[in-house]
């Protein structure tokens, strides 16, 4: 019994209304009565009832008609129909129109009505609870990899929630390493498409020909090696979301094809003639200024307006320094889970050093810096000495780093350097991994992790 549950009784017999009002109030319900269908409809429009109990046969409006009008106006209260002589057809019609149940007016029907009302309220409670839990799940898991309490990140979170449950095309802009794909995934996870695929493709990593066959698929015989028909990523993402990363890198010819997909909502496989309809939400991303590319004639203006219906920008890390300690601790917890929990904290000096760095590589650079420090650290906390440098405590002084005029890929350089150290440690220890891990002053579990990551082979431990 729920004393706050509001029940509306609609019946043209005053005695029935009075009897049900007395009975249901005694059972703890807040009861309103209406002696005609029209009066009942007015009450429903003014109030918010949990349950509506209506007679089927009334002179001005039948209970079936009242149910139809209530549902057409979007009222969500549970509907229960009363009748002295229901037919099977009437019952089926009522249930098909969204009635919760119907009940015959027998001598002892009120106890049965109370039981049906209780059941209707319980199902309503469970449905609302399920909706709430789904909403909370999407909030927690859809945003779980987006870390930040700064004003800029909070605004980004708000915009993600606003756009998620629409079908609008989203353009995410921002520097490399700011988490544009994480934003795209968050939009997908917070949308009604969450149960369907999220498909990501880096448009800048493929040639025009490969990108076309990847996105649209191909038919058998379309080109040498096309032995069978193959679906493209737009078809794979049906009912879900496709993420077109680095869309600014696409050729003019590919831009024409993408524009057609967004306009027509159909795709055509390479070598095929059939138009295949698609229902896919498109999210695009770029680290370039697309409006500048439009002015230079390198990006189609009509495609630009198609993909940027709802623009979002991921802020650079240097513009939200208050988030750096939060991100650093987040990465530390992830490293502890994957590589061992021998490091528990980050020293205050290390945090100050992190906050003082400019982070041109943004969040990705910070994550890599934390991983390097985690590998090199031998104490119980991340210290200043092992941050932003490939050498650990006690390493010999090194010359000033050389950066070639054309620049270098720092992540690849550091990864190659790490691989060299692991291979040298294995060489010195004759392939004994336990001793190699001790030589590098890292836990054996971490050593094994990087052996797999770098695909390094050695002799079995002895």
Protein backbone atom coordinates (compact mmCIF):
# COMPACT_ATOMS: atom_id res chain seq x y z
CA UNK A 1 0.00 0.00 0.00
CA UNK A 2 1.27 3.43 -0.90
CA UNK A 3 -0.46 6.33 0.90
CA UNK A 4 0.85 8.78 -1.66
CA UNK A 5 -0.57 6.97 -4.69
CA UNK A 6 -3.29 8.98 -6.41
CA UNK A 7 -6.27 7.10 -7.85
CA UNK A 8 -9.01 8.51 -10.08
CA UNK A 9 -12.34 6.64 -10.21
CA UNK A 10 -14.56 7.38 -13.26
CA UNK A 11 -18.08 5.88 -13.21
CA UNK A 12 -21.51 7.24 -14.09
CA UNK A 13 -23.09 5.45 -11.11
CA UNK A 14 -22.77 7.71 -8.02
CA UNK A 15 -23.13 4.72 -5.68
CA UNK A 16 -20.14 2.96 -7.28
CA UNK A 17 -18.08 6.14 -7.06
CA UNK A 18 -18.96 6.63 -3.39
CA UNK A 19 -18.35 2.98 -2.51
CA UNK A 20 -14.94 2.88 -4.21
CA UNK A 21 -13.94 6.21 -2.73
CA UNK A 22 -14.65 5.02 0.82
CA UNK A 23 -12.98 1.63 0.24
CA UNK A 24 -9.81 2.91 -1.45
CA UNK A 25 -9.33 5.76 1.01
CA UNK A 26 -9.55 3.23 3.83
CA UNK A 27 -6.80 1.31 2.04
CA UNK A 28 -4.60 4.41 2.12
CA UNK A 29 -5.00 5.88 -1.37
CA UNK A 30 -5.61 9.51 -2.30
CA UNK A 31 -8.89 9.14 -4.23
CA UNK A 32 -10.68 11.50 -6.64
CA UNK A 33 -14.01 10.58 -8.28
CA UNK A 34 -15.64 11.70 -11.54
CA UNK A 35 -19.19 10.75 -12.57
CA UNK A 36 -18.67 11.05 -16.35
CA UNK A 37 -16.00 10.46 -18.93
CA UNK A 38 -15.69 14.16 -19.77
CA UNK A 39 -15.31 15.10 -16.10
CA UNK A 40 -12.73 12.34 -15.71
CA UNK A 41 -10.76 13.67 -18.71
CA UNK A 42 -10.75 17.17 -17.17
CA UNK A 43 -9.45 15.74 -13.88
CA UNK A 44 -6.69 13.84 -15.71
CA UNK A 45 -5.62 16.97 -17.57
CA UNK A 46 -5.39 18.92 -14.30
CA UNK A 47 -3.90 16.24 -12.07
CA UNK A 48 -1.20 13.56 -12.14
CA UNK A 49 -2.79 10.22 -11.25
CA UNK A 50 -0.90 6.99 -10.67
CA UNK A 51 -3.94 4.84 -11.44
CA UNK A 52 -7.16 5.54 -13.35
CA UNK A 53 -10.10 3.20 -12.72
CA UNK A 54 -12.88 3.68 -15.27
CA UNK A 55 -16.17 2.03 -16.09
CA UNK A 56 -16.36 0.87 -19.71
CA UNK A 57 -20.01 1.72 -20.41
CA UNK A 58 -20.87 5.39 -19.74
CA UNK A 59 -23.41 7.54 -21.64
CA UNK A 60 -21.18 10.47 -22.66
CA UNK A 61 -17.91 8.66 -23.29
CA UNK A 62 -17.00 4.97 -23.04
CA UNK A 63 -14.08 3.83 -20.95
CA UNK A 64 -12.38 2.65 -24.16
CA UNK A 65 -12.71 6.15 -25.66
CA UNK A 66 -11.42 7.72 -22.44
CA UNK A 67 -8.44 5.37 -22.54
CA UNK A 68 -7.75 6.26 -26.18
CA UNK A 69 -7.84 10.00 -25.50
CA UNK A 70 -5.71 9.69 -22.35
CA UNK A 71 -3.02 7.73 -24.21
CA UNK A 72 -3.10 10.10 -27.21
CA UNK A 73 -2.37 12.99 -24.83
CA UNK A 74 0.60 11.18 -23.32
CA UNK A 75 -0.78 10.47 -19.84
CA UNK A 76 1.26 7.72 -18.19
CA UNK A 77 -1.02 6.58 -15.32
CA UNK A 78 -1.97 2.90 -15.18
CA UNK A 79 -5.48 2.34 -16.60
CA UNK A 80 -7.88 -0.26 -15.17
CA UNK A 81 -11.32 -0.83 -16.71
CA UNK A 82 -14.50 -1.88 -14.88
CA UNK A 83 -17.48 -3.54 -16.54
CA UNK A 84 -20.56 -5.46 -15.60
CA UNK A 85 -20.47 -7.54 -18.81
CA UNK A 86 -17.14 -7.48 -20.61
CA UNK A 87 -16.75 -9.36 -23.83
CA UNK A 88 -13.52 -10.97 -24.97
CA UNK A 89 -13.23 -8.51 -27.86
CA UNK A 90 -13.63 -5.54 -25.52
CA UNK A 91 -10.98 -6.89 -23.14
CA UNK A 92 -8.49 -7.51 -25.96
CA UNK A 93 -9.12 -4.04 -27.39
CA UNK A 94 -8.54 -2.44 -23.99
CA UNK A 95 -5.25 -4.29 -23.43
CA UNK A 96 -4.03 -3.50 -26.94
CA UNK A 97 -4.65 0.19 -26.30
CA UNK A 98 -2.48 0.13 -23.18
CA UNK A 99 -4.87 -0.73 -20.34
CA UNK A 100 -3.14 -2.47 -17.45
CA UNK A 101 -6.08 -4.81 -16.76
CA UNK A 102 -9.86 -5.04 -16.62
CA UNK A 103 -12.19 -6.38 -13.93
CA UNK A 104 -15.81 -7.53 -13.78
CA UNK A 105 -18.17 -5.87 -11.30
CA UNK A 106 -19.01 -8.93 -9.25
CA UNK A 107 -20.28 -8.95 -5.68
CA UNK A 108 -16.74 -9.01 -4.23
CA UNK A 109 -14.84 -7.14 -6.94
CA UNK A 110 -13.33 -4.47 -4.66
CA UNK A 111 -10.80 -6.82 -3.04
CA UNK A 112 -9.74 -7.95 -6.49
CA UNK A 113 -9.52 -4.31 -7.61
CA UNK A 114 -7.26 -3.51 -4.65
CA UNK A 115 -4.99 -6.40 -5.65
CA UNK A 116 -4.82 -5.18 -9.29
CA UNK A 117 -4.08 -1.61 -8.20
CA UNK A 118 -1.25 -2.82 -5.95
CA UNK A 119 0.18 -4.88 -8.81
CA UNK A 120 -0.10 -1.95 -11.23
CA UNK A 121 1.70 0.35 -8.79
CA UNK A 122 4.45 -2.22 -8.20
CA UNK A 123 5.06 -2.66 -11.93
CA UNK A 124 5.08 1.12 -12.34
CA UNK A 125 7.63 1.41 -9.52
CA UNK A 126 9.88 -1.23 -11.06
CA UNK A 127 9.64 0.41 -14.47
CA UNK A 128 10.57 3.81 -13.07
CA UNK A 129 13.39 2.28 -11.03
CA UNK A 130 14.72 0.52 -14.11
CA UNK A 131 14.61 3.75 -16.09
CA UNK A 132 16.45 5.53 -13.27
CA UNK A 133 19.12 2.81 -13.04
CA UNK A 134 19.66 2.87 -16.81
CA UNK A 135 20.02 6.64 -16.69
CA UNK A 136 22.50 6.45 -13.80
CA UNK A 137 24.43 3.67 -15.54
CA UNK A 138 24.77 5.79 -18.65
CA UNK A 139 25.93 8.76 -16.58
CA UNK A 140 28.52 6.73 -14.67
CA UNK A 141 29.83 4.51 -17.46
CA UNK A 142 29.31 6.82 -20.38
CA UNK A 143 31.52 9.48 -18.74
CA UNK A 144 33.85 7.25 -16.74
CA UNK A 145 36.90 7.84 -18.97
CA UNK A 146 36.31 11.58 -19.22
CA UNK A 147 38.01 13.04 -16.17
CA UNK A 148 37.73 16.65 -15.07
CA UNK A 149 36.18 19.01 -12.57
CA UNK A 150 37.22 22.23 -14.33
CA UNK A 151 34.53 24.56 -15.62
CA UNK A 152 35.43 23.71 -19.23
CA UNK A 153 35.02 19.97 -18.66
CA UNK A 154 31.79 20.42 -16.73
CA UNK A 155 30.40 22.40 -19.66
CA UNK A 156 31.54 19.64 -22.02
CA UNK A 157 29.75 17.05 -19.87
CA UNK A 158 26.56 19.13 -19.99
CA UNK A 159 26.73 19.41 -23.77
CA UNK A 160 27.27 15.65 -24.10
CA UNK A 161 24.11 15.01 -22.08
CA UNK A 162 22.16 17.53 -24.19
CA UNK A 163 23.13 16.04 -27.56
CA UNK A 164 23.33 12.34 -26.69
CA UNK A 165 19.67 11.42 -27.09
CA UNK A 166 19.28 13.27 -30.38
CA UNK A 167 20.25 11.99 -33.82
CA UNK A 168 22.13 15.17 -34.71
CA UNK A 169 25.51 14.89 -36.40
CA UNK A 170 28.27 16.02 -34.03
CA UNK A 171 31.65 17.53 -34.91
CA UNK A 172 34.27 17.24 -32.16
CA UNK A 173 37.25 19.55 -32.53
CA UNK A 174 40.37 19.85 -30.43
CA UNK A 175 44.09 19.27 -30.34
CA UNK A 176 45.58 15.78 -30.60
CA UNK A 177 45.49 13.89 -27.33
CA UNK A 178 42.50 15.74 -25.84
CA UNK A 179 40.17 12.71 -25.92
CA UNK A 180 37.93 13.32 -28.92
CA UNK A 181 37.16 9.61 -29.36
CA UNK A 182 36.32 9.33 -25.65
CA UNK A 183 33.78 12.13 -26.12
CA UNK A 184 32.30 10.30 -29.11
CA UNK A 185 32.00 7.09 -27.08
CA UNK A 186 30.39 8.99 -24.21
CA UNK A 187 27.76 10.39 -26.58
CA UNK A 188 27.04 6.89 -27.87
CA UNK A 189 26.87 5.35 -24.37
CA UNK A 190 24.46 8.04 -23.19
CA UNK A 191 22.20 7.69 -26.23
CA UNK A 192 19.31 5.40 -27.07
CA UNK A 193 21.70 3.63 -29.49
CA UNK A 194 23.85 2.30 -26.64
CA UNK A 195 22.90 -1.36 -27.29
CA UNK A 196 24.03 -1.10 -30.92
CA UNK A 197 27.59 -0.90 -32.32
CA UNK A 198 30.04 1.97 -31.92
CA UNK A 199 32.37 1.83 -34.94
CA UNK A 200 35.47 3.99 -35.20
CA UNK A 201 37.56 4.69 -38.32
CA UNK A 202 40.58 6.94 -38.73
CA UNK A 203 39.99 8.63 -42.06
CA UNK A 204 43.55 9.96 -42.18
CA UNK A 205 45.16 6.53 -41.82
CA UNK A 206 43.76 5.05 -45.05
CA UNK A 207 44.14 5.83 -48.73
CA UNK A 208 41.04 7.07 -50.55
CA UNK A 209 40.44 3.66 -52.16
CA UNK A 210 40.84 1.73 -48.91
CA UNK A 211 38.69 4.21 -46.97
CA UNK A 212 35.87 3.91 -49.50
CA UNK A 213 35.81 0.09 -49.33
CA UNK A 214 36.09 0.22 -45.51
CA UNK A 215 33.18 2.63 -45.12
CA UNK A 216 30.85 1.37 -47.84
CA UNK A 217 31.92 -2.24 -48.42
CA UNK A 218 32.19 -3.87 -51.82
CA UNK A 219 30.58 -6.52 -54.01
CA UNK A 220 32.24 -9.64 -55.33
CA UNK A 221 34.49 -8.88 -58.28
CA UNK A 222 34.61 -5.12 -57.63
CA UNK A 223 38.42 -5.28 -57.74
CA UNK A 224 41.20 -7.85 -57.65
CA UNK A 225 40.92 -9.82 -54.43
CA UNK A 226 37.22 -9.05 -53.85
CA UNK A 227 36.24 -12.73 -53.70
CA UNK A 228 32.97 -12.18 -51.81
CA UNK A 229 30.56 -9.40 -50.93
CA UNK A 230 31.60 -7.48 -47.85
CA UNK A 231 29.71 -5.07 -45.63
CA UNK A 232 31.21 -1.67 -44.97
CA UNK A 233 31.47 0.02 -41.58
CA UNK A 234 28.30 2.05 -42.18
CA UNK A 235 26.36 -1.22 -42.45
CA UNK A 236 28.20 -2.73 -39.47
CA UNK A 237 27.17 0.30 -37.39
CA UNK A 238 23.46 -0.04 -38.31
CA UNK A 239 21.23 1.47 -35.59
CA UNK A 240 24.41 2.52 -33.78
CA UNK A 241 27.10 5.18 -34.17
CA UNK A 242 30.01 5.62 -36.59
CA UNK A 243 32.92 7.82 -35.55
CA UNK A 244 34.82 9.43 -38.43
CA UNK A 245 38.10 10.55 -36.87
CA UNK A 246 40.32 13.04 -38.72
CA UNK A 247 37.61 13.81 -41.25
CA UNK A 248 39.63 16.82 -42.38
CA UNK A 249 42.13 14.42 -43.97
CA UNK A 250 39.62 13.03 -46.47
CA UNK A 251 39.98 13.71 -50.18
CA UNK A 252 37.56 15.89 -52.12
CA UNK A 253 36.12 12.81 -53.86
CA UNK A 254 35.50 11.09 -50.53
CA UNK A 255 33.91 14.25 -49.15
CA UNK A 256 31.37 14.11 -51.99
CA UNK A 257 30.53 10.50 -51.10
CA UNK A 258 30.16 11.30 -47.39
CA UNK A 259 27.93 14.27 -48.18
CA UNK A 260 25.67 12.00 -50.21
CA UNK A 261 25.42 9.52 -47.32
CA UNK A 262 24.44 12.26 -44.89
CA UNK A 263 21.86 13.68 -47.30
CA UNK A 264 20.30 10.48 -48.64
CA UNK A 265 20.91 8.14 -45.69
CA UNK A 266 21.88 5.41 -48.15
CA UNK A 267 25.20 3.87 -49.17
CA UNK A 268 26.33 2.05 -52.28
CA UNK A 269 28.99 -0.65 -52.05
CA UNK A 270 32.07 -0.34 -54.25
CA UNK A 271 31.25 -2.02 -57.56
CA UNK A 272 27.55 -2.28 -56.73
CA UNK A 273 24.44 -0.48 -57.94
CA UNK A 274 22.02 -1.17 -55.08
CA UNK A 275 21.17 1.71 -52.73
CA UNK A 276 21.28 0.36 -49.18
CA UNK A 277 19.38 2.42 -46.57
CA UNK A 278 21.19 3.03 -43.29
CA UNK A 279 20.19 4.26 -39.85
CA UNK A 280 23.48 5.40 -38.32
CA UNK A 281 24.39 8.32 -36.10
CA UNK A 282 27.50 10.10 -37.45
CA UNK A 283 30.06 11.73 -35.17
CA UNK A 284 33.11 13.31 -36.80
CA UNK A 285 36.31 14.69 -35.30
CA UNK A 286 39.31 16.71 -36.40
CA UNK A 287 42.29 18.54 -34.94
CA UNK A 288 42.22 20.97 -37.87
CA UNK A 289 40.28 24.18 -38.41
CA UNK A 290 37.68 22.98 -40.91
CA UNK A 291 36.36 26.48 -41.55
CA UNK A 292 39.89 27.49 -42.62
CA UNK A 293 40.08 24.43 -44.87
CA UNK A 294 36.75 25.50 -46.41
CA UNK A 295 38.20 28.95 -47.14
CA UNK A 296 41.24 27.32 -48.74
CA UNK A 297 39.04 25.08 -50.89
CA UNK A 298 40.32 21.89 -49.25
CA UNK A 299 37.06 20.96 -47.53
CA UNK A 300 33.56 21.17 -48.97
CA UNK A 301 31.44 23.87 -47.39
CA UNK A 302 28.21 21.84 -47.72
CA UNK A 303 29.81 18.85 -45.95
CA UNK A 304 31.16 21.16 -43.24
CA UNK A 305 27.65 22.36 -42.42
CA UNK A 306 26.34 18.78 -42.53
CA UNK A 307 28.87 17.41 -40.02
CA UNK A 308 28.92 20.41 -37.68
CA UNK A 309 25.22 20.49 -36.77
CA UNK A 310 26.28 20.27 -33.12
CA UNK A 311 29.92 21.33 -32.58
CA UNK A 312 31.85 20.32 -29.46
CA UNK A 313 35.40 21.27 -28.50
CA UNK A 314 37.69 19.26 -26.25
CA UNK A 315 39.82 21.72 -24.23
CA UNK A 316 43.63 21.39 -24.16
CA UNK A 317 45.15 20.25 -20.89
CA UNK A 318 47.12 23.50 -20.42
CA UNK A 319 43.77 25.29 -20.26
CA UNK A 320 42.49 23.19 -17.34
CA UNK A 321 45.48 22.69 -15.05
CA UNK A 322 43.18 22.03 -12.08
CA UNK A 323 42.34 18.69 -13.71
CA UNK A 324 45.96 17.49 -13.86
CA UNK A 325 46.14 16.00 -10.32
CA UNK A 326 42.78 14.28 -10.89
CA UNK A 327 43.99 12.77 -14.17
CA UNK A 328 47.34 11.75 -12.70
CA UNK A 329 45.67 9.82 -9.87
CA UNK A 330 43.24 8.26 -12.36
CA UNK A 331 46.14 6.98 -14.48
CA UNK A 332 47.96 5.76 -11.37
CA UNK A 333 44.94 3.65 -10.35
CA UNK A 334 44.73 2.15 -13.84
CA UNK A 335 48.44 1.32 -13.83
CA UNK A 336 48.13 -0.34 -10.43
CA UNK A 337 45.36 -2.57 -11.74
CA UNK A 338 47.27 -3.65 -14.85
CA UNK A 339 50.88 -3.70 -13.61
CA UNK A 340 50.82 -4.19 -9.85
CA UNK A 341 50.17 -2.06 -6.80
CA UNK A 342 53.75 -1.45 -5.65
CA UNK A 343 53.24 2.32 -6.04
CA UNK A 344 50.56 3.86 -3.87
CA UNK A 345 50.76 7.62 -4.40
CA UNK A 346 52.26 10.65 -6.14
CA UNK A 347 54.55 12.96 -4.21
CA UNK A 348 53.52 16.64 -3.79
CA UNK A 349 56.69 17.68 -5.68
CA UNK A 350 55.77 15.41 -8.57
CA UNK A 351 52.26 16.87 -8.72
CA UNK A 352 53.66 20.39 -8.78
CA UNK A 353 55.95 19.40 -11.64
CA UNK A 354 53.01 17.94 -13.55
CA UNK A 355 50.95 21.08 -13.01
CA UNK A 356 53.82 23.27 -14.23
CA UNK A 357 54.30 21.44 -17.52
CA UNK A 358 52.72 22.81 -20.73
CA UNK A 359 51.56 19.37 -22.04
CA UNK A 360 51.65 19.95 -25.80
CA UNK A 361 50.55 16.31 -26.21
CA UNK A 362 47.65 16.91 -23.80
CA UNK A 363 46.06 14.06 -21.83
CA UNK A 364 47.78 11.38 -23.93
CA UNK A 365 51.18 12.86 -23.08
CA UNK A 366 50.30 12.95 -19.38
CA UNK A 367 49.19 9.32 -19.50
CA UNK A 368 52.47 8.30 -21.14
CA UNK A 369 54.48 10.30 -18.61
CA UNK A 370 52.72 8.53 -15.74
CA UNK A 371 53.34 5.12 -17.34
CA UNK A 372 57.05 5.84 -17.79
CA UNK A 373 57.36 7.04 -14.20
CA UNK A 374 55.48 3.99 -12.95
CA UNK A 375 57.97 1.68 -14.70
CA UNK A 376 61.04 3.53 -13.51
CA UNK A 377 59.93 4.24 -9.94
CA UNK A 378 61.48 2.08 -7.20
CA UNK A 379 59.94 3.76 -4.16
CA UNK A 380 56.35 3.56 -3.00
CA UNK A 381 55.31 6.75 -4.77
CA UNK A 382 55.78 8.58 -8.05
CA UNK A 383 58.59 11.09 -7.50
CA UNK A 384 59.66 14.17 -9.36
CA UNK A 385 62.90 12.53 -10.53
CA UNK A 386 61.15 10.03 -12.80
CA UNK A 387 58.65 12.34 -14.46
CA UNK A 388 59.00 13.60 -18.02
CA UNK A 389 62.38 11.88 -18.46
CA UNK A 390 63.29 8.39 -19.70
CA UNK A 391 66.05 7.95 -17.14
CA UNK A 392 65.41 6.80 -13.59
CA UNK A 393 66.87 7.84 -10.27
CA UNK A 394 70.59 7.26 -10.18
CA UNK A 395 70.99 7.26 -13.97
CA UNK A 396 74.09 8.93 -15.34
CA UNK A 397 73.73 12.53 -16.57
CA UNK A 398 72.73 12.73 -20.19
CA UNK A 399 73.41 15.23 -22.94
CA UNK A 400 70.78 17.71 -24.02
CA UNK A 401 68.21 15.90 -26.16
CA UNK A 402 68.51 16.23 -29.91
CA UNK A 403 65.36 17.07 -31.86
CA UNK A 404 65.77 16.94 -35.65
CA UNK A 405 64.57 19.95 -37.69
CA UNK A 406 61.56 18.01 -38.98
CA UNK A 407 60.57 17.05 -35.41
CA UNK A 408 60.05 13.57 -33.98
CA UNK A 409 57.31 11.28 -32.69
CA UNK A 410 58.06 11.40 -28.96
CA UNK A 411 55.80 8.47 -28.05
CA UNK A 412 57.43 6.19 -30.63
CA UNK A 413 60.90 7.38 -29.62
CA UNK A 414 60.30 6.65 -25.93
CA UNK A 415 58.68 3.28 -26.71
CA UNK A 416 61.71 2.27 -28.81
CA UNK A 417 64.00 3.42 -26.01
CA UNK A 418 62.07 1.32 -23.51
CA UNK A 419 62.23 -1.69 -25.81
CA UNK A 420 66.02 -1.28 -26.10
CA UNK A 421 66.40 -1.23 -22.31
CA UNK A 422 64.30 -4.38 -21.93
CA UNK A 423 66.30 -6.21 -24.59
CA UNK A 424 69.61 -5.11 -23.05
CA UNK A 425 68.46 -6.26 -19.60
CA UNK A 426 67.56 -9.67 -21.05
CA UNK A 427 70.91 -9.88 -22.80
CA UNK A 428 72.80 -9.15 -19.59
CA UNK A 429 70.80 -11.74 -17.65
CA UNK A 430 70.96 -14.41 -20.37
CA UNK A 431 67.23 -14.23 -20.91
CA UNK A 432 66.25 -14.73 -17.26
CA UNK A 433 63.20 -12.50 -16.97
CA UNK A 434 63.06 -12.36 -13.17
CA UNK A 435 66.64 -11.09 -13.01
CA UNK A 436 66.03 -8.68 -15.90
CA UNK A 437 63.07 -7.20 -14.00
CA UNK A 438 65.29 -6.79 -10.91
CA UNK A 439 67.96 -5.11 -13.03
CA UNK A 440 65.41 -2.57 -14.27
CA UNK A 441 64.00 -2.22 -10.73
CA UNK A 442 60.42 -2.94 -11.74
CA UNK A 443 58.00 -5.63 -10.52
CA UNK A 444 58.09 -8.89 -12.46
CA UNK A 445 54.39 -8.46 -13.27
CA UNK A 446 55.15 -5.10 -14.92
CA UNK A 447 58.08 -6.64 -16.76
CA UNK A 448 55.83 -9.36 -18.21
CA UNK A 449 53.29 -6.72 -19.25
CA UNK A 450 55.88 -4.89 -21.30
CA UNK A 451 57.33 -8.10 -22.74
CA UNK A 452 53.90 -8.73 -24.24
CA UNK A 453 53.45 -5.11 -25.28
CA UNK A 454 56.81 -4.97 -27.10
CA UNK A 455 56.51 -8.58 -28.35
CA UNK A 456 59.94 -9.42 -26.95
CA UNK A 457 60.98 -13.07 -26.85
CA UNK A 458 63.55 -14.53 -24.44
CA UNK A 459 64.75 -17.83 -23.11
CA UNK A 460 62.60 -19.39 -20.35
CA UNK A 461 63.35 -18.29 -16.83
CA UNK A 462 65.84 -20.44 -14.97
